[in-house]
Amino acid sequence: MSRPHLKELLSKKEVDPAKEDTLEKGDFLALLIAAVSVFFPILLAAIAVLALFIFLFVTYFH
């Protein structure tokens, strides 16, 4: 079994528009977990920055 050459890997593949991709049983849950693991820390950091801004605003203008 030989490895594919770089030219073969970079060449465009024919795509059949009639072919439909189907998700397997656990794919949606895996996608959901991946999305949460990406967006939750970003959301948490944004909330922390907003809370810090509110805290500093309240303490400065009190």
N, C-alpha and C. Protein backbone atom coordinates (compact mmCIF):
# COMPACT_ATOMS: atom_id res chain seq x y z
N MET A 1 0.85 -1.18 0.00
CA MET A 1 0.00 0.00 0.00
C MET A 1 0.89 1.23 0.00
N SER A 2 0.77 2.03 -1.01
CA SER A 2 1.61 3.22 -1.12
C SER A 2 0.86 4.45 -0.62
N ARG A 3 1.64 5.38 -0.13
CA ARG A 3 1.05 6.63 0.34
C ARG A 3 0.66 7.49 -0.85
N PRO A 4 -0.41 8.28 -0.72
CA PRO A 4 -0.79 9.17 -1.83
C PRO A 4 0.22 10.32 -1.95
N HIS A 5 0.44 10.75 -3.15
CA HIS A 5 1.36 11.86 -3.40
C HIS A 5 0.66 13.17 -3.10
N LEU A 6 1.45 14.21 -2.90
CA LEU A 6 0.91 15.52 -2.55
C LEU A 6 -0.02 16.04 -3.64
N LYS A 7 0.33 15.80 -4.88
CA LYS A 7 -0.51 16.27 -5.99
C LYS A 7 -1.89 15.62 -5.95
N GLU A 8 -1.93 14.34 -5.58
CA GLU A 8 -3.22 13.65 -5.46
C GLU A 8 -4.03 14.20 -4.30
N LEU A 9 -3.36 14.55 -3.21
CA LEU A 9 -4.07 15.07 -2.05
C LEU A 9 -4.65 16.46 -2.32
N LEU A 10 -3.93 17.26 -3.10
CA LEU A 10 -4.37 18.64 -3.35
C LEU A 10 -5.29 18.77 -4.55
N SER A 11 -5.45 17.71 -5.31
CA SER A 11 -6.31 17.80 -6.49
C SER A 11 -7.78 17.86 -6.07
N LYS A 12 -8.59 18.50 -6.89
CA LYS A 12 -10.01 18.64 -6.59
C LYS A 12 -10.71 17.31 -6.81
N LYS A 13 -11.60 17.01 -5.91
CA LYS A 13 -12.36 15.77 -5.99
C LYS A 13 -13.73 16.05 -6.60
N GLU A 14 -14.25 15.09 -7.30
CA GLU A 14 -15.60 15.21 -7.85
C GLU A 14 -16.61 15.04 -6.72
N VAL A 15 -17.55 15.95 -6.65
CA VAL A 15 -18.57 15.91 -5.61
C VAL A 15 -19.90 15.63 -6.27
N ASP A 16 -20.60 14.64 -5.74
CA ASP A 16 -21.92 14.31 -6.25
C ASP A 16 -22.95 15.10 -5.45
N PRO A 17 -23.62 16.10 -6.05
CA PRO A 17 -24.58 16.91 -5.29
C PRO A 17 -25.81 16.12 -4.84
N ALA A 18 -26.09 15.01 -5.49
CA ALA A 18 -27.26 14.22 -5.11
C ALA A 18 -26.98 13.37 -3.88
N LYS A 19 -25.71 13.14 -3.57
CA LYS A 19 -25.37 12.32 -2.41
C LYS A 19 -25.63 13.12 -1.15
N GLU A 20 -26.29 12.50 -0.20
CA GLU A 20 -26.64 13.18 1.03
C GLU A 20 -25.80 12.63 2.17
N ASP A 21 -25.17 13.52 2.93
CA ASP A 21 -24.39 13.09 4.09
C ASP A 21 -25.34 12.86 5.25
N THR A 22 -25.17 11.76 5.92
CA THR A 22 -26.03 11.45 7.06
C THR A 22 -25.18 11.42 8.32
N LEU A 23 -25.76 11.91 9.39
CA LEU A 23 -25.09 11.88 10.68
C LEU A 23 -25.30 10.52 11.32
N GLU A 24 -24.29 10.06 12.04
CA GLU A 24 -24.44 8.82 12.77
C GLU A 24 -25.13 9.09 14.08
N LYS A 25 -25.33 8.06 14.88
CA LYS A 25 -26.15 8.16 16.08
C LYS A 25 -25.63 9.21 17.07
N GLY A 26 -24.35 9.23 17.37
CA GLY A 26 -23.82 10.14 18.38
C GLY A 26 -23.20 11.41 17.83
N ASP A 27 -23.35 11.65 16.54
CA ASP A 27 -22.69 12.80 15.93
C ASP A 27 -23.23 14.14 16.42
N PHE A 28 -24.54 14.24 16.59
CA PHE A 28 -25.11 15.52 17.02
C PHE A 28 -24.65 15.86 18.43
N LEU A 29 -24.63 14.87 19.31
CA LEU A 29 -24.16 15.10 20.67
C LEU A 29 -22.69 15.50 20.68
N ALA A 30 -21.90 14.86 19.83
CA ALA A 30 -20.47 15.21 19.74
C ALA A 30 -20.30 16.63 19.23
N LEU A 31 -21.08 17.03 18.24
CA LEU A 31 -21.01 18.40 17.73
C LEU A 31 -21.45 19.41 18.78
N LEU A 32 -22.46 19.06 19.55
CA LEU A 32 -22.95 19.94 20.61
C LEU A 32 -21.90 20.10 21.70
N ILE A 33 -21.27 19.01 22.11
CA ILE A 33 -20.22 19.07 23.13
C ILE A 33 -19.04 19.89 22.62
N ALA A 34 -18.67 19.71 21.37
CA ALA A 34 -17.56 20.48 20.79
C ALA A 34 -17.90 21.97 20.75
N ALA A 35 -19.12 22.31 20.37
CA ALA A 35 -19.52 23.72 20.32
C ALA A 35 -19.51 24.34 21.71
N VAL A 36 -20.01 23.62 22.70
CA VAL A 36 -20.02 24.14 24.06
C VAL A 36 -18.59 24.31 24.58
N SER A 37 -17.72 23.36 24.27
CA SER A 37 -16.34 23.47 24.76
C SER A 37 -15.59 24.62 24.09
N VAL A 38 -16.05 25.06 22.93
CA VAL A 38 -15.41 26.20 22.26
C VAL A 38 -16.02 27.52 22.73
N PHE A 39 -17.35 27.60 22.75
CA PHE A 39 -18.01 28.88 23.02
C PHE A 39 -18.18 29.20 24.50
N PHE A 40 -18.26 28.20 25.37
CA PHE A 40 -18.48 28.47 26.79
C PHE A 40 -17.33 29.26 27.42
N PRO A 41 -16.06 28.90 27.19
CA PRO A 41 -14.99 29.73 27.77
C PRO A 41 -14.97 31.16 27.23
N ILE A 42 -15.31 31.33 25.97
CA ILE A 42 -15.37 32.68 25.39
C ILE A 42 -16.48 33.48 26.05
N LEU A 43 -17.64 32.86 26.21
CA LEU A 43 -18.77 33.52 26.86
C LEU A 43 -18.44 33.83 28.32
N LEU A 44 -17.80 32.90 29.00
CA LEU A 44 -17.41 33.11 30.39
C LEU A 44 -16.42 34.27 30.51
N ALA A 45 -15.46 34.36 29.61
CA ALA A 45 -14.50 35.46 29.63
C ALA A 45 -15.18 36.80 29.36
N ALA A 46 -16.14 36.82 28.44
CA ALA A 46 -16.86 38.05 28.14
C ALA A 46 -17.67 38.51 29.34
N ILE A 47 -18.30 37.57 30.03
CA ILE A 47 -19.07 37.92 31.23
C ILE A 47 -18.14 38.42 32.32
N ALA A 48 -16.96 37.82 32.46
CA ALA A 48 -16.00 38.26 33.47
C ALA A 48 -15.50 39.67 33.18
N VAL A 49 -15.23 39.98 31.93
CA VAL A 49 -14.79 41.33 31.55
C VAL A 49 -15.90 42.34 31.82
N LEU A 50 -17.12 41.99 31.48
CA LEU A 50 -18.25 42.88 31.74
C LEU A 50 -18.45 43.09 33.24
N ALA A 51 -18.34 42.03 34.03
CA ALA A 51 -18.48 42.16 35.48
C ALA A 51 -17.37 43.02 36.07
N LEU A 52 -16.15 42.86 35.56
CA LEU A 52 -15.04 43.69 36.03
C LEU A 52 -15.27 45.16 35.67
N PHE A 53 -15.75 45.41 34.47
CA PHE A 53 -16.05 46.78 34.06
C PHE A 53 -17.13 47.39 34.95
N ILE A 54 -18.18 46.64 35.23
CA ILE A 54 -19.26 47.15 36.10
C ILE A 54 -18.72 47.39 37.51
N PHE A 55 -17.91 46.47 38.02
CA PHE A 55 -17.35 46.63 39.36
C PHE A 55 -16.48 47.88 39.44
N LEU A 56 -15.60 48.08 38.47
CA LEU A 56 -14.74 49.25 38.48
C LEU A 56 -15.54 50.54 38.30
N PHE A 57 -16.56 50.51 37.48
CA PHE A 57 -17.41 51.68 37.26
C PHE A 57 -18.14 52.06 38.55
N VAL A 58 -18.69 51.06 39.25
CA VAL A 58 -19.44 51.32 40.48
C VAL A 58 -18.50 51.82 41.57
N THR A 59 -17.33 51.22 41.71
CA THR A 59 -16.41 51.65 42.77
C THR A 59 -15.81 53.03 42.48
N TYR A 60 -15.60 53.36 41.23
CA TYR A 60 -15.01 54.66 40.89
C TYR A 60 -16.02 55.79 41.07
N PHE A 61 -17.27 55.57 40.68
CA PHE A 61 -18.28 56.63 40.74
C PHE A 61 -19.16 56.55 41.98
N HIS A 62 -18.76 55.83 42.99
CA HIS A 62 -19.56 55.72 44.20
C HIS A 62 -19.30 56.85 45.11
